[in-house]
């Protein structure tokens, strides 16, 4: 059985801390202003037994606690993390009315044009954005990616909507490993473990300034999003527009997931993507170049 790990981080309000778990806590956001409101929520009730609690908010993976101004967070934050973690890991419930009957998770494996990449498709949405991990050092905010890198054959991990693409080191054979990986992913998701701390990753990325694209670039982006991305996603990958060079009429793109390092990616670029862009934007495209492969 998976164990809760509770950590804390500051919020925008000095008197409030967020205590977040690696395991799902609640389907919806609920606010508690007094202990009388906590009868059906044992973990929240435990928190209100503490003398410095003013307000508690339960969210999907977090418990936000607002304190009275009678002490400093530094005096109690570590101890409170330990208390919450111990309570939950020793059988304490978040809610008495928790519905344990989650719909069964199914995962099936699909081969891709890249012989080193396998696509694992889940019967539910698993992420709200696209995430790529080239090494275990990049996985601090993705428990699932970090766990997958524990397999010695895993080279890269890619998440999108309802699938995981894994690129293996070329000396291994997917036939020997695909069943183990499929079951591992299924169990991990079925147990409501965190796949990616998406907000943490968004905060850690430098904010891009609004880029003013020229008209040709806008058309290229539209064609990629509407006509090319769905096909690339079906092969376990993704394509991102990087730039358009007006002078040379060259289009630069980034390939991700199963498309990254795929032996057939050059053929796909030239006979598929490049041909489509030339047909739809006659006279405006000279070639398409993948800057990462």
C-alpha atoms as a PDB file:
ATOM      1  CA  UNK A   1       0.000   0.000   0.000  1.00  0.00           C
ATOM      2  CA  UNK A   2       1.314   3.428  -0.918  1.00  0.00           C
ATOM      3  CA  UNK A   3       2.317   5.734   1.911  1.00  0.00           C
ATOM      4  CA  UNK A   4       1.523   9.415   2.208  1.00  0.00           C
ATOM      5  CA  UNK A   5       4.429  11.829   2.095  1.00  0.00           C
ATOM      6  CA  UNK A   6       3.416  15.241   3.435  1.00  0.00           C
ATOM      7  CA  UNK A   7       5.426  18.368   2.668  1.00  0.00           C
ATOM      8  CA  UNK A   8       4.679  22.037   3.150  1.00  0.00           C
ATOM      9  CA  UNK A   9       5.153  25.184   1.120  1.00  0.00           C
ATOM     10  CA  UNK A  10       4.306  28.840   1.522  1.00  0.00           C
ATOM     11  CA  UNK A  11       1.278  30.430  -0.089  1.00  0.00           C
ATOM     12  CA  UNK A  12       0.623  34.049  -1.015  1.00  0.00           C
ATOM     13  CA  UNK A  13      -0.705  34.647   2.519  1.00  0.00           C
ATOM     14  CA  UNK A  14       1.734  34.793   5.416  1.00  0.00           C
ATOM     15  CA  UNK A  15      -0.631  33.167   7.905  1.00  0.00           C
ATOM     16  CA  UNK A  16      -1.393  30.197   5.613  1.00  0.00           C
ATOM     17  CA  UNK A  17       0.668  27.155   4.626  1.00  0.00           C
ATOM     18  CA  UNK A  18      -0.099  24.449   2.096  1.00  0.00           C
ATOM     19  CA  UNK A  19       0.506  20.862   3.224  1.00  0.00           C
ATOM     20  CA  UNK A  20       0.507  18.661   0.142  1.00  0.00           C
ATOM     21  CA  UNK A  21       0.472  14.901  -0.270  1.00  0.00           C
ATOM     22  CA  UNK A  22       1.800  12.642  -2.995  1.00  0.00           C
ATOM     23  CA  UNK A  23      -1.539  10.784  -2.821  1.00  0.00           C
ATOM     24  CA  UNK A  24      -4.963  12.085  -3.825  1.00  0.00           C
ATOM     25  CA  UNK A  25      -6.998  13.477  -0.894  1.00  0.00           C
ATOM     26  CA  UNK A  26     -10.314  14.904  -2.081  1.00  0.00           C
ATOM     27  CA  UNK A  27     -12.530  15.111  -5.158  1.00  0.00           C
ATOM     28  CA  UNK A  28     -13.480  18.727  -4.424  1.00  0.00           C
ATOM     29  CA  UNK A  29     -12.408  21.806  -2.493  1.00  0.00           C
ATOM     30  CA  UNK A  30     -14.029  22.117   0.970  1.00  0.00           C
ATOM     31  CA  UNK A  31     -13.541  24.891   3.548  1.00  0.00           C
ATOM     32  CA  UNK A  32     -13.808  24.392   7.314  1.00  0.00           C
ATOM     33  CA  UNK A  33     -14.084  27.318   9.724  1.00  0.00           C
ATOM     34  CA  UNK A  34     -14.784  25.432  12.975  1.00  0.00           C
ATOM     35  CA  UNK A  35     -14.412  21.955  14.425  1.00  0.00           C
ATOM     36  CA  UNK A  36     -18.181  21.349  14.393  1.00  0.00           C
ATOM     37  CA  UNK A  37     -18.000  21.155  10.588  1.00  0.00           C
ATOM     38  CA  UNK A  38     -15.435  18.336  10.580  1.00  0.00           C
ATOM     39  CA  UNK A  39     -17.427  15.315  11.856  1.00  0.00           C
ATOM     40  CA  UNK A  40     -17.174  13.490   8.524  1.00  0.00           C
ATOM     41  CA  UNK A  41     -13.531  14.459   7.948  1.00  0.00           C
ATOM     42  CA  UNK A  42     -11.286  12.815  10.578  1.00  0.00           C
ATOM     43  CA  UNK A  43      -8.005  14.317   9.361  1.00  0.00           C
ATOM     44  CA  UNK A  44      -9.447  17.853   9.404  1.00  0.00           C
ATOM     45  CA  UNK A  45     -10.886  17.212  12.856  1.00  0.00           C
ATOM     46  CA  UNK A  46      -7.417  16.257  14.099  1.00  0.00           C
ATOM     47  CA  UNK A  47      -6.055  19.542  12.789  1.00  0.00           C
ATOM     48  CA  UNK A  48      -8.715  21.597  14.615  1.00  0.00           C
ATOM     49  CA  UNK A  49      -7.708  19.990  17.905  1.00  0.00           C
ATOM     50  CA  UNK A  50      -4.573  22.133  17.683  1.00  0.00           C
ATOM     51  CA  UNK A  51      -4.985  25.452  19.534  1.00  0.00           C
ATOM     52  CA  UNK A  52      -3.650  27.744  16.809  1.00  0.00           C
ATOM     53  CA  UNK A  53      -5.951  26.739  13.925  1.00  0.00           C
ATOM     54  CA  UNK A  54      -8.205  29.370  12.377  1.00  0.00           C
ATOM     55  CA  UNK A  55      -9.325  27.838   9.071  1.00  0.00           C
ATOM     56  CA  UNK A  56      -8.645  24.677   7.032  1.00  0.00           C
ATOM     57  CA  UNK A  57      -9.274  24.066   3.323  1.00  0.00           C
ATOM     58  CA  UNK A  58      -9.167  20.581   1.827  1.00  0.00           C
ATOM     59  CA  UNK A  59      -8.264  20.281  -1.848  1.00  0.00           C
ATOM     60  CA  UNK A  60      -7.322  17.511  -4.275  1.00  0.00           C
ATOM     61  CA  UNK A  61      -3.779  16.898  -3.055  1.00  0.00           C
ATOM     62  CA  UNK A  62      -3.439  19.591  -0.401  1.00  0.00           C
ATOM     63  CA  UNK A  63      -4.625  20.827   2.967  1.00  0.00           C
ATOM     64  CA  UNK A  64      -4.365  24.594   3.367  1.00  0.00           C
ATOM     65  CA  UNK A  65      -4.109  25.647   6.998  1.00  0.00           C
ATOM     66  CA  UNK A  66      -4.583  29.217   8.237  1.00  0.00           C
ATOM     67  CA  UNK A  67      -3.256  29.852  11.747  1.00  0.00           C
ATOM     68  CA  UNK A  68      -4.063  32.336  14.463  1.00  0.00           C
ATOM     69  CA  UNK A  69      -1.425  34.967  15.047  1.00  0.00           C
ATOM     70  CA  UNK A  70      -0.161  33.457  18.313  1.00  0.00           C
ATOM     71  CA  UNK A  71       2.927  31.672  16.974  1.00  0.00           C
ATOM     72  CA  UNK A  72       5.188  31.438  13.943  1.00  0.00           C
ATOM     73  CA  UNK A  73       4.896  28.737  11.323  1.00  0.00           C
ATOM     74  CA  UNK A  74       8.584  27.889  11.776  1.00  0.00           C
ATOM     75  CA  UNK A  75       7.771  26.633  15.276  1.00  0.00           C
ATOM     76  CA  UNK A  76       5.216  24.024  14.171  1.00  0.00           C
ATOM     77  CA  UNK A  77       5.377  23.338  10.426  1.00  0.00           C
ATOM     78  CA  UNK A  78       7.726  20.338  10.552  1.00  0.00           C
ATOM     79  CA  UNK A  79       5.855  18.744  13.444  1.00  0.00           C
ATOM     80  CA  UNK A  80       2.523  19.281  11.703  1.00  0.00           C
ATOM     81  CA  UNK A  81       3.837  17.559   8.552  1.00  0.00           C
ATOM     82  CA  UNK A  82       4.836  14.556  10.657  1.00  0.00           C
ATOM     83  CA  UNK A  83       1.508  14.450  12.499  1.00  0.00           C
ATOM     84  CA  UNK A  84      -0.532  14.535   9.285  1.00  0.00           C
ATOM     85  CA  UNK A  85       1.671  11.933   7.626  1.00  0.00           C
ATOM     86  CA  UNK A  86       1.524   9.579  10.621  1.00  0.00           C
ATOM     87  CA  UNK A  87      -2.245   9.973  10.966  1.00  0.00           C
ATOM     88  CA  UNK A  88      -2.925   9.112   7.314  1.00  0.00           C
ATOM     89  CA  UNK A  89      -0.364   6.301   7.113  1.00  0.00           C
ATOM     90  CA  UNK A  90      -1.722   4.660  10.268  1.00  0.00           C
ATOM     91  CA  UNK A  91      -5.205   4.250   8.836  1.00  0.00           C
ATOM     92  CA  UNK A  92      -6.648   7.693   9.514  1.00  0.00           C
ATOM     93  CA  UNK A  93      -9.273   8.767   6.981  1.00  0.00           C
ATOM     94  CA  UNK A  94      -9.545  11.991   5.061  1.00  0.00           C
ATOM     95  CA  UNK A  95     -13.327  11.525   4.824  1.00  0.00           C
ATOM     96  CA  UNK A  96     -15.738   8.966   6.280  1.00  0.00           C
ATOM     97  CA  UNK A  97     -17.757   9.261   3.089  1.00  0.00           C
ATOM     98  CA  UNK A  98     -14.856   8.635   0.723  1.00  0.00           C
ATOM     99  CA  UNK A  99     -15.928   6.600  -2.270  1.00  0.00           C
ATOM    100  CA  UNK A 100     -13.366   3.899  -2.626  1.00  0.00           C
ATOM    101  CA  UNK A 101     -14.920   2.466  -5.784  1.00  0.00           C
ATOM    102  CA  UNK A 102     -12.826   4.258  -8.336  1.00  0.00           C
ATOM    103  CA  UNK A 103     -13.467   3.165 -11.897  1.00  0.00           C
ATOM    104  CA  UNK A 104     -10.939   0.502 -12.868  1.00  0.00           C
ATOM    105  CA  UNK A 105      -7.877   1.761 -14.696  1.00  0.00           C
ATOM    106  CA  UNK A 106      -6.913  -0.067 -17.861  1.00  0.00           C
ATOM    107  CA  UNK A 107      -3.682   0.389 -19.779  1.00  0.00           C
ATOM    108  CA  UNK A 108      -2.784  -1.102 -23.125  1.00  0.00           C
ATOM    109  CA  UNK A 109       0.484  -0.929 -25.025  1.00  0.00           C
ATOM    110  CA  UNK A 110       0.859   0.255 -28.598  1.00  0.00           C
ATOM    111  CA  UNK A 111       3.966  -0.032 -30.722  1.00  0.00           C
ATOM    112  CA  UNK A 112       5.118   3.144 -32.483  1.00  0.00           C
ATOM    113  CA  UNK A 113       7.150   3.895 -35.623  1.00  0.00           C
ATOM    114  CA  UNK A 114      10.110   4.295 -33.279  1.00  0.00           C
ATOM    115  CA  UNK A 115      11.329   0.755 -32.452  1.00  0.00           C
ATOM    116  CA  UNK A 116      12.717   1.980 -29.135  1.00  0.00           C
ATOM    117  CA  UNK A 117       9.476   3.679 -28.054  1.00  0.00           C
ATOM    118  CA  UNK A 118       6.318   2.128 -26.647  1.00  0.00           C
ATOM    119  CA  UNK A 119       3.054   4.002 -26.083  1.00  0.00           C
ATOM    120  CA  UNK A 120       0.973   3.073 -23.004  1.00  0.00           C
ATOM    121  CA  UNK A 121      -2.602   4.281 -23.392  1.00  0.00           C
ATOM    122  CA  UNK A 122      -4.798   4.803 -20.297  1.00  0.00           C
ATOM    123  CA  UNK A 123      -8.616   4.803 -20.265  1.00  0.00           C
ATOM    124  CA  UNK A 124      -8.719   8.239 -18.591  1.00  0.00           C
ATOM    125  CA  UNK A 125      -7.018  11.616 -18.727  1.00  0.00           C
ATOM    126  CA  UNK A 126      -3.784  11.510 -16.752  1.00  0.00           C
ATOM    127  CA  UNK A 127      -2.322  15.006 -17.291  1.00  0.00           C
ATOM    128  CA  UNK A 128      -3.588  18.409 -18.367  1.00  0.00           C
ATOM    129  CA  UNK A 129      -0.487  19.370 -20.330  1.00  0.00           C
ATOM    130  CA  UNK A 130       2.471  17.797 -22.108  1.00  0.00           C
ATOM    131  CA  UNK A 131       5.507  16.802 -20.040  1.00  0.00           C
ATOM    132  CA  UNK A 132       8.814  15.405 -21.250  1.00  0.00           C
ATOM    133  CA  UNK A 133      11.579  13.966 -19.069  1.00  0.00           C
ATOM    134  CA  UNK A 134      14.935  13.228 -20.667  1.00  0.00           C
ATOM    135  CA  UNK A 135      16.630  12.029 -17.467  1.00  0.00           C
ATOM    136  CA  UNK A 136      15.839  11.132 -13.854  1.00  0.00           C
ATOM    137  CA  UNK A 137      17.363  14.460 -12.758  1.00  0.00           C
ATOM    138  CA  UNK A 138      14.391  16.227 -14.358  1.00  0.00           C
ATOM    139  CA  UNK A 139      11.723  14.223 -12.477  1.00  0.00           C
ATOM    140  CA  UNK A 140      11.577  15.898  -9.049  1.00  0.00           C
ATOM    141  CA  UNK A 141       7.997  17.011  -9.729  1.00  0.00           C
ATOM    142  CA  UNK A 142       6.828  13.793 -11.373  1.00  0.00           C
ATOM    143  CA  UNK A 143       6.591  10.756  -9.080  1.00  0.00           C
ATOM    144  CA  UNK A 144       5.517   8.508 -11.951  1.00  0.00           C
ATOM    145  CA  UNK A 145       8.364   9.560 -14.235  1.00  0.00           C
ATOM    146  CA  UNK A 146      10.859   9.170 -11.387  1.00  0.00           C
ATOM    147  CA  UNK A 147       9.542   5.658 -10.693  1.00  0.00           C
ATOM    148  CA  UNK A 148       9.692   4.675 -14.368  1.00  0.00           C
ATOM    149  CA  UNK A 149      13.349   5.708 -14.530  1.00  0.00           C
ATOM    150  CA  UNK A 150      13.881   3.027 -11.888  1.00  0.00           C
ATOM    151  CA  UNK A 151      13.624   0.488 -14.708  1.00  0.00           C
ATOM    152  CA  UNK A 152      17.170   0.088 -16.071  1.00  0.00           C
ATOM    153  CA  UNK A 153      16.031   0.157 -19.695  1.00  0.00           C
ATOM    154  CA  UNK A 154      14.119   3.475 -19.536  1.00  0.00           C
ATOM    155  CA  UNK A 155      15.847   6.338 -21.364  1.00  0.00           C
ATOM    156  CA  UNK A 156      13.073   8.968 -21.678  1.00  0.00           C
ATOM    157  CA  UNK A 157       9.483   9.445 -20.460  1.00  0.00           C
ATOM    158  CA  UNK A 158       6.759  11.518 -22.111  1.00  0.00           C
ATOM    159  CA  UNK A 159       3.205  12.271 -20.864  1.00  0.00           C
ATOM    160  CA  UNK A 160       0.281  13.596 -22.903  1.00  0.00           C
ATOM    161  CA  UNK A 161      -3.481  13.624 -22.207  1.00  0.00           C
ATOM    162  CA  UNK A 162      -4.129   9.878 -21.749  1.00  0.00           C
ATOM    163  CA  UNK A 163      -0.869   8.174 -22.615  1.00  0.00           C
ATOM    164  CA  UNK A 164       2.721   7.596 -21.537  1.00  0.00           C
ATOM    165  CA  UNK A 165       5.423   7.143 -24.161  1.00  0.00           C
ATOM    166  CA  UNK A 166       8.623   5.498 -22.982  1.00  0.00           C
ATOM    167  CA  UNK A 167      11.841   5.362 -24.964  1.00  0.00           C
ATOM    168  CA  UNK A 168      14.113   2.511 -23.977  1.00  0.00           C
ATOM    169  CA  UNK A 169      17.852   2.169 -24.346  1.00  0.00           C
ATOM    170  CA  UNK A 170      18.499   0.448 -27.656  1.00  0.00           C
ATOM    171  CA  UNK A 171      20.235  -2.605 -26.185  1.00  0.00           C
ATOM    172  CA  UNK A 172      16.968  -3.781 -24.564  1.00  0.00           C
ATOM    173  CA  UNK A 173      13.971  -5.586 -26.055  1.00  0.00           C
ATOM    174  CA  UNK A 174      10.446  -4.290 -25.438  1.00  0.00           C
ATOM    175  CA  UNK A 175       9.008  -7.801 -25.718  1.00  0.00           C
ATOM    176  CA  UNK A 176      10.714  -8.696 -22.451  1.00  0.00           C
ATOM    177  CA  UNK A 177       9.591  -5.569 -20.558  1.00  0.00           C
ATOM    178  CA  UNK A 178       6.291  -4.308 -21.928  1.00  0.00           C
ATOM    179  CA  UNK A 179       4.025  -6.328 -19.600  1.00  0.00           C
ATOM    180  CA  UNK A 180       5.894  -5.242 -16.457  1.00  0.00           C
ATOM    181  CA  UNK A 181       5.760  -1.572 -17.427  1.00  0.00           C
ATOM    182  CA  UNK A 182       2.084  -1.737 -18.387  1.00  0.00           C
ATOM    183  CA  UNK A 183       1.109  -3.268 -15.037  1.00  0.00           C
ATOM    184  CA  UNK A 184       3.324  -0.821 -13.131  1.00  0.00           C
ATOM    185  CA  UNK A 185       1.643   2.190 -14.779  1.00  0.00           C
ATOM    186  CA  UNK A 186      -1.824   0.709 -14.239  1.00  0.00           C
ATOM    187  CA  UNK A 187      -1.218   0.068 -10.520  1.00  0.00           C
ATOM    188  CA  UNK A 188       0.390   3.468  -9.989  1.00  0.00           C
ATOM    189  CA  UNK A 189      -2.607   5.307 -11.477  1.00  0.00           C
ATOM    190  CA  UNK A 190      -5.207   2.998  -9.905  1.00  0.00           C
ATOM    191  CA  UNK A 191      -3.799   3.824  -6.454  1.00  0.00           C
ATOM    192  CA  UNK A 192      -4.368   7.555  -7.087  1.00  0.00           C
ATOM    193  CA  UNK A 193      -0.682   8.372  -6.898  1.00  0.00           C
ATOM    194  CA  UNK A 194       0.426  11.731  -8.233  1.00  0.00           C
ATOM    195  CA  UNK A 195       1.615  11.551 -11.822  1.00  0.00           C
ATOM    196  CA  UNK A 196       2.941  15.109 -12.123  1.00  0.00           C
ATOM    197  CA  UNK A 197       2.887  18.089  -9.766  1.00  0.00           C
ATOM    198  CA  UNK A 198       1.802  20.241 -12.681  1.00  0.00           C
ATOM    199  CA  UNK A 199       1.642  23.548 -10.813  1.00  0.00           C
ATOM    200  CA  UNK A 200       5.200  23.114  -9.532  1.00  0.00           C
ATOM    201  CA  UNK A 201       6.494  22.594 -13.061  1.00  0.00           C
ATOM    202  CA  UNK A 202       4.581  25.591 -14.378  1.00  0.00           C
ATOM    203  CA  UNK A 203       5.998  27.796 -11.617  1.00  0.00           C
ATOM    204  CA  UNK A 204       9.546  26.592 -12.232  1.00  0.00           C
ATOM    205  CA  UNK A 205       9.430  27.376 -15.962  1.00  0.00           C
ATOM    206  CA  UNK A 206      10.486  30.895 -16.923  1.00  0.00           C
ATOM    207  CA  UNK A 207       7.474  32.801 -18.170  1.00  0.00           C
ATOM    208  CA  UNK A 208       7.587  33.352 -21.893  1.00  0.00           C
ATOM    209  CA  UNK A 209       6.809  36.825 -23.053  1.00  0.00           C
ATOM    210  CA  UNK A 210       3.968  37.115 -25.513  1.00  0.00           C
ATOM    211  CA  UNK A 211       5.535  36.465 -28.896  1.00  0.00           C
ATOM    212  CA  UNK A 212       4.207  38.383 -31.867  1.00  0.00           C
ATOM    213  CA  UNK A 213       4.269  35.933 -34.754  1.00  0.00           C
ATOM    214  CA  UNK A 214       4.132  37.034 -38.377  1.00  0.00           C
ATOM    215  CA  UNK A 215       1.201  35.926 -40.521  1.00  0.00           C
ATOM    216  CA  UNK A 216       3.053  32.965 -42.049  1.00  0.00           C
ATOM    217  CA  UNK A 217       4.112  31.678 -38.628  1.00  0.00           C
ATOM    218  CA  UNK A 218       0.506  31.929 -37.418  1.00  0.00           C
ATOM    219  CA  UNK A 219      -0.670  29.864 -40.374  1.00  0.00           C
ATOM    220  CA  UNK A 220       2.074  27.267 -39.776  1.00  0.00           C
ATOM    221  CA  UNK A 221       1.102  26.974 -36.087  1.00  0.00           C
ATOM    222  CA  UNK A 222      -2.560  26.547 -37.050  1.00  0.00           C
ATOM    223  CA  UNK A 223      -1.762  23.805 -39.561  1.00  0.00           C
ATOM    224  CA  UNK A 224       0.485  22.001 -37.070  1.00  0.00           C
ATOM    225  CA  UNK A 225      -2.121  22.170 -34.288  1.00  0.00           C
ATOM    226  CA  UNK A 226      -5.095  21.128 -36.425  1.00  0.00           C
ATOM    227  CA  UNK A 227      -3.636  18.762 -38.989  1.00  0.00           C
ATOM    228  CA  UNK A 228      -0.322  17.403 -37.759  1.00  0.00           C
ATOM    229  CA  UNK A 229      -0.410  17.125 -33.963  1.00  0.00           C
ATOM    230  CA  UNK A 230      -3.283  14.593 -33.829  1.00  0.00           C
ATOM    231  CA  UNK A 231      -1.415  12.237 -36.165  1.00  0.00           C
ATOM    232  CA  UNK A 232       1.842  12.669 -34.270  1.00  0.00           C
ATOM    233  CA  UNK A 233       0.057  12.044 -30.935  1.00  0.00           C
ATOM    234  CA  UNK A 234      -1.391   8.805 -32.307  1.00  0.00           C
ATOM    235  CA  UNK A 235       2.218   7.661 -32.748  1.00  0.00           C
ATOM    236  CA  UNK A 236       3.047   8.541 -29.142  1.00  0.00           C
ATOM    237  CA  UNK A 237       4.746  11.876 -29.764  1.00  0.00           C
ATOM    238  CA  UNK A 238       4.317  15.605 -30.137  1.00  0.00           C
ATOM    239  CA  UNK A 239       5.493  18.391 -32.422  1.00  0.00           C
ATOM    240  CA  UNK A 240       6.100  22.006 -31.405  1.00  0.00           C
ATOM    241  CA  UNK A 241       6.576  25.004 -33.680  1.00  0.00           C
ATOM    242  CA  UNK A 242       9.909  26.669 -32.896  1.00  0.00           C
ATOM    243  CA  UNK A 243      10.475  29.314 -35.570  1.00  0.00           C
ATOM    244  CA  UNK A 244      10.033  30.399 -39.183  1.00  0.00           C
ATOM    245  CA  UNK A 245      12.966  31.951 -41.032  1.00  0.00           C
ATOM    246  CA  UNK A 246      11.595  34.540 -43.458  1.00  0.00           C
ATOM    247  CA  UNK A 247      14.756  34.802 -45.530  1.00  0.00           C
ATOM    248  CA  UNK A 248      15.221  31.076 -46.132  1.00  0.00           C
ATOM    249  CA  UNK A 249      11.551  30.094 -45.668  1.00  0.00           C
ATOM    250  CA  UNK A 250      12.726  27.300 -43.378  1.00  0.00           C
ATOM    251  CA  UNK A 251      10.412  25.982 -40.622  1.00  0.00           C
ATOM    252  CA  UNK A 252      12.045  24.748 -37.412  1.00  0.00           C
ATOM    253  CA  UNK A 253      10.149  22.350 -35.150  1.00  0.00           C
ATOM    254  CA  UNK A 254      10.792  20.319 -31.999  1.00  0.00           C
ATOM    255  CA  UNK A 255       9.878  16.634 -31.856  1.00  0.00           C
ATOM    256  CA  UNK A 256       8.961  15.034 -28.521  1.00  0.00           C
ATOM    257  CA  UNK A 257       8.034  11.648 -27.113  1.00  0.00           C
ATOM    258  CA  UNK A 258       8.220   8.680 -29.459  1.00  0.00           C
ATOM    259  CA  UNK A 259       9.076  11.007 -32.362  1.00  0.00           C
ATOM    260  CA  UNK A 260      12.284  12.189 -30.694  1.00  0.00           C
ATOM    261  CA  UNK A 261      15.182  10.192 -32.094  1.00  0.00           C
ATOM    262  CA  UNK A 262      12.900   8.051 -34.242  1.00  0.00           C
ATOM    263  CA  UNK A 263      14.751   6.633 -37.266  1.00  0.00           C
ATOM    264  CA  UNK A 264      11.742   7.388 -39.484  1.00  0.00           C
ATOM    265  CA  UNK A 265      11.270  10.957 -38.228  1.00  0.00           C
ATOM    266  CA  UNK A 266      13.246  12.379 -41.174  1.00  0.00           C
ATOM    267  CA  UNK A 267      10.940  10.616 -43.617  1.00  0.00           C
ATOM    268  CA  UNK A 268       7.898  11.854 -41.679  1.00  0.00           C
ATOM    269  CA  UNK A 269       9.225  15.412 -41.733  1.00  0.00           C
ATOM    270  CA  UNK A 270       9.986  15.433 -45.442  1.00  0.00           C
ATOM    271  CA  UNK A 271       7.243  13.298 -46.981  1.00  0.00           C
ATOM    272  CA  UNK A 272       4.531  14.197 -44.495  1.00  0.00           C
ATOM    273  CA  UNK A 273       4.861  17.478 -42.625  1.00  0.00           C
ATOM    274  CA  UNK A 274       6.962  19.350 -45.162  1.00  0.00           C
ATOM    275  CA  UNK A 275       4.770  18.262 -48.069  1.00  0.00           C
ATOM    276  CA  UNK A 276       1.602  19.301 -46.232  1.00  0.00           C
ATOM    277  CA  UNK A 277       2.955  22.741 -45.343  1.00  0.00           C
ATOM    278  CA  UNK A 278       4.184  23.329 -48.894  1.00  0.00           C
ATOM    279  CA  UNK A 279       0.781  22.323 -50.289  1.00  0.00           C
ATOM    280  CA  UNK A 280      -1.178  24.478 -47.853  1.00  0.00           C
ATOM    281  CA  UNK A 281       1.206  27.463 -47.987  1.00  0.00           C
ATOM    282  CA  UNK A 282       2.457  27.447 -51.594  1.00  0.00           C
ATOM    283  CA  UNK A 283       5.666  29.368 -52.159  1.00  0.00           C
ATOM    284  CA  UNK A 284       6.151  30.101 -48.458  1.00  0.00           C
ATOM    285  CA  UNK A 285       8.005  26.952 -47.265  1.00  0.00           C
ATOM    286  CA  UNK A 286      11.410  25.738 -48.415  1.00  0.00           C
ATOM    287  CA  UNK A 287      11.981  22.940 -45.891  1.00  0.00           C
ATOM    288  CA  UNK A 288      11.074  21.684 -42.403  1.00  0.00           C
ATOM    289  CA  UNK A 289      13.865  21.005 -39.958  1.00  0.00           C
ATOM    290  CA  UNK A 290      13.692  19.266 -36.560  1.00  0.00           C
ATOM    291  CA  UNK A 291      16.175  21.096 -34.360  1.00  0.00           C
ATOM    292  CA  UNK A 292      16.390  18.160 -31.909  1.00  0.00           C
ATOM    293  CA  UNK A 293      16.595  15.248 -34.298  1.00  0.00           C
END
